[in-house]
Amino acid sequence: MTIATADLYDDRGDELDSVSLQFQDIGGNTAFDGTIRTVRCFRDNALVKATLATPGEGAVLVVDGGGSLESALVGDLIAASAVENGWAGIIVNGAIRDREAIGGLPLGVKALGSNPRKSAKDGVGDVDVVVEIAGVLFVPGKRVWADSDGILVER
């Protein structure tokens, strides 16, 4: 990412939404951006794993886990797969696990928190649908920018 979110907002404020929910920076890259892809799931990470195993081409996967911190939707193996497949980052409205290992990867990861508990693997959920997090719409194909100041989303 070449421009800070604060500067980007100063330049394009009316074209962007700012996410007020406070995510934690967990990945090795605190600044990242890319085209939005989405997964909506609840305590089931099978679709997250399957999506991140496909070519990312610099995209950012936004995972709407409903804000649940009861089980992790991304762990170190899934995050490593994202790196191998060229994803720029992952934003998880929920929990991750393997925080230290993920912190050593060249990947942007933001999440609400962590929990060592595994999630279900039933494949329940939706891929590449519009998701809403903290009143902000994440539309597949639009762009997202994230850094230590927060997250901006193209309207």
Protein backbone atom coordinates (compact mmCIF):
# COMPACT_ATOMS: atom_id res chain seq x y z
CA MET A 1 0.00 0.00 0.00
CA THR A 2 1.47 3.31 -1.00
CA ILE A 3 -0.89 5.78 0.67
CA ALA A 4 -2.01 5.99 4.30
CA THR A 5 -5.73 5.62 4.93
CA ALA A 6 -5.81 9.07 6.58
CA ASP A 7 -4.34 10.67 3.44
CA LEU A 8 -6.61 8.62 1.21
CA TYR A 9 -9.64 9.77 3.19
CA ASP A 10 -8.48 13.39 2.92
CA ASP A 11 -8.27 12.99 -0.86
CA ARG A 12 -11.42 10.93 -1.50
CA GLY A 13 -13.58 11.17 1.63
CA ASP A 14 -16.97 11.37 -0.10
CA GLU A 15 -16.19 8.26 -2.12
CA LEU A 16 -15.23 6.11 0.89
CA ASP A 17 -16.79 4.58 3.97
CA SER A 18 -14.78 4.28 7.16
CA VAL A 19 -15.29 1.24 9.40
CA SER A 20 -15.73 2.39 13.00
CA LEU A 21 -15.42 -1.09 14.52
CA GLN A 22 -11.97 -1.45 16.06
CA PHE A 23 -10.11 -4.40 14.52
CA GLN A 24 -6.76 -5.68 15.79
CA ASP A 25 -3.74 -5.83 13.47
CA ILE A 26 -2.54 -9.43 13.56
CA GLY A 27 -0.75 -10.19 10.29
CA GLY A 28 2.83 -9.33 9.43
CA ASN A 29 1.65 -6.53 7.10
CA THR A 30 -0.32 -3.83 8.89
CA ALA A 31 -1.01 -1.92 5.65
CA PHE A 32 -2.72 -3.66 2.75
CA ASP A 33 -5.32 -3.07 0.08
CA GLY A 34 -7.02 -4.86 -2.75
CA THR A 35 -10.20 -5.85 -4.49
CA ILE A 36 -12.88 -7.13 -2.12
CA ARG A 37 -13.90 -10.80 -2.04
CA THR A 38 -16.25 -12.00 0.70
CA VAL A 39 -17.34 -14.99 2.75
CA ARG A 40 -20.30 -14.88 5.12
CA CYS A 41 -20.18 -17.69 7.66
CA PHE A 42 -20.83 -18.31 11.34
CA ARG A 43 -18.44 -20.47 13.33
CA ASP A 44 -17.68 -22.53 10.19
CA ASN A 45 -14.50 -21.84 8.22
CA ALA A 46 -14.73 -24.37 5.36
CA LEU A 47 -15.61 -21.68 2.80
CA VAL A 48 -12.84 -19.41 4.11
CA LYS A 49 -10.29 -22.20 3.67
CA ALA A 50 -11.58 -23.11 0.19
CA THR A 51 -11.61 -19.49 -1.01
CA LEU A 52 -8.10 -18.70 0.24
CA ALA A 53 -6.83 -21.85 -1.51
CA THR A 54 -7.69 -20.22 -4.87
CA PRO A 55 -5.63 -17.54 -6.67
CA GLY A 56 -6.06 -14.27 -4.78
CA GLU A 57 -4.42 -11.97 -7.31
CA GLY A 58 -3.85 -9.33 -4.63
CA ALA A 59 -7.44 -9.37 -3.32
CA VAL A 60 -8.57 -8.96 0.28
CA LEU A 61 -10.96 -11.55 1.72
CA VAL A 62 -13.55 -9.99 4.03
CA VAL A 63 -14.98 -12.66 6.32
CA ASP A 64 -18.22 -11.79 8.06
CA GLY A 65 -18.34 -14.18 10.99
CA GLY A 66 -21.11 -12.23 12.67
CA GLY A 67 -18.65 -10.83 15.20
CA SER A 68 -18.44 -14.16 17.01
CA LEU A 69 -15.35 -14.74 19.13
CA GLU A 70 -16.44 -18.25 20.12
CA SER A 71 -14.26 -20.05 17.57
CA ALA A 72 -11.54 -19.12 15.09
CA LEU A 73 -12.26 -18.69 11.39
CA VAL A 74 -8.60 -18.37 10.30
CA GLY A 75 -5.52 -20.16 11.63
CA ASP A 76 -1.88 -20.33 10.60
CA LEU A 77 -2.35 -22.97 7.89
CA ILE A 78 -5.20 -21.10 6.22
CA ALA A 79 -3.26 -17.82 6.44
CA ALA A 80 -0.17 -19.50 4.94
CA SER A 81 -2.36 -20.76 2.09
CA ALA A 82 -3.49 -17.18 1.49
CA VAL A 83 0.14 -16.07 1.19
CA GLU A 84 0.96 -18.93 -1.19
CA ASN A 85 -2.02 -18.03 -3.36
CA GLY A 86 -1.31 -14.30 -3.63
CA TRP A 87 -3.90 -12.74 -1.34
CA ALA A 88 -3.07 -9.28 0.04
CA GLY A 89 -5.02 -9.65 3.25
CA ILE A 90 -7.91 -10.96 5.32
CA ILE A 91 -10.36 -8.95 7.41
CA VAL A 92 -12.26 -11.14 9.88
CA ASN A 93 -15.37 -9.92 11.67
CA GLY A 94 -14.72 -12.62 14.24
CA ALA A 95 -11.80 -14.53 15.72
CA ILE A 96 -8.56 -16.02 14.42
CA ARG A 97 -6.10 -18.39 16.11
CA ASP A 98 -2.33 -18.96 15.90
CA ARG A 99 -1.80 -15.23 16.40
CA GLU A 100 2.01 -15.40 16.69
CA ALA A 101 2.45 -17.56 13.58
CA ILE A 102 0.13 -15.31 11.55
CA GLY A 103 2.09 -12.29 12.77
CA GLY A 104 5.17 -13.70 11.06
CA LEU A 105 3.51 -14.00 7.65
CA PRO A 106 3.76 -11.36 4.90
CA LEU A 107 -0.02 -10.91 4.93
CA GLY A 108 -2.41 -8.29 6.21
CA VAL A 109 -4.78 -9.74 8.80
CA LYS A 110 -7.27 -7.78 10.86
CA ALA A 111 -9.68 -9.49 13.26
CA LEU A 112 -11.70 -8.72 16.36
CA GLY A 113 -9.61 -11.06 18.48
CA SER A 114 -8.38 -14.61 18.87
CA ASN A 115 -9.57 -17.91 20.28
CA PRO A 116 -7.75 -21.26 20.09
CA ARG A 117 -11.03 -23.13 19.57
CA LYS A 118 -11.53 -24.61 16.09
CA SER A 119 -14.63 -23.85 14.07
CA ALA A 120 -16.96 -26.26 12.28
CA LYS A 121 -16.06 -27.42 8.78
CA ASP A 122 -19.49 -27.99 7.24
CA GLY A 123 -19.27 -25.44 4.42
CA VAL A 124 -22.27 -23.44 5.58
CA GLY A 125 -22.30 -19.85 4.35
CA ASP A 126 -22.06 -17.67 1.24
CA VAL A 127 -19.19 -16.60 -1.01
CA ASP A 128 -18.89 -13.29 -2.91
CA VAL A 129 -22.06 -11.73 -1.53
CA VAL A 130 -22.43 -8.21 -0.17
CA VAL A 131 -21.70 -8.21 3.56
CA GLU A 132 -22.32 -5.45 6.07
CA ILE A 133 -19.97 -4.87 8.98
CA ALA A 134 -20.57 -1.99 11.39
CA GLY A 135 -22.90 -0.32 8.91
CA VAL A 136 -20.40 -0.46 6.02
CA LEU A 137 -21.13 -2.48 2.89
CA PHE A 138 -18.34 -4.64 1.49
CA VAL A 139 -19.22 -5.23 -2.15
CA PRO A 140 -17.25 -7.86 -4.08
CA GLY A 141 -15.23 -6.15 -6.80
CA LYS A 142 -14.95 -2.82 -4.97
CA ARG A 143 -11.71 -1.85 -3.20
CA VAL A 144 -10.67 -1.86 0.47
CA TRP A 145 -7.68 -0.21 2.15
CA ALA A 146 -6.45 -1.03 5.65
CA ASP A 147 -3.63 0.14 7.89
CA SER A 148 -3.02 0.82 11.56
CA ASP A 149 -5.53 3.71 11.47
CA GLY A 150 -8.41 1.57 10.25
CA ILE A 151 -10.30 0.36 7.22
CA LEU A 152 -11.68 2.33 4.27
CA VAL A 153 -14.09 0.87 1.74
CA GLU A 154 -14.95 2.14 -1.74
CA ARG A 155 -18.67 2.95 -1.96
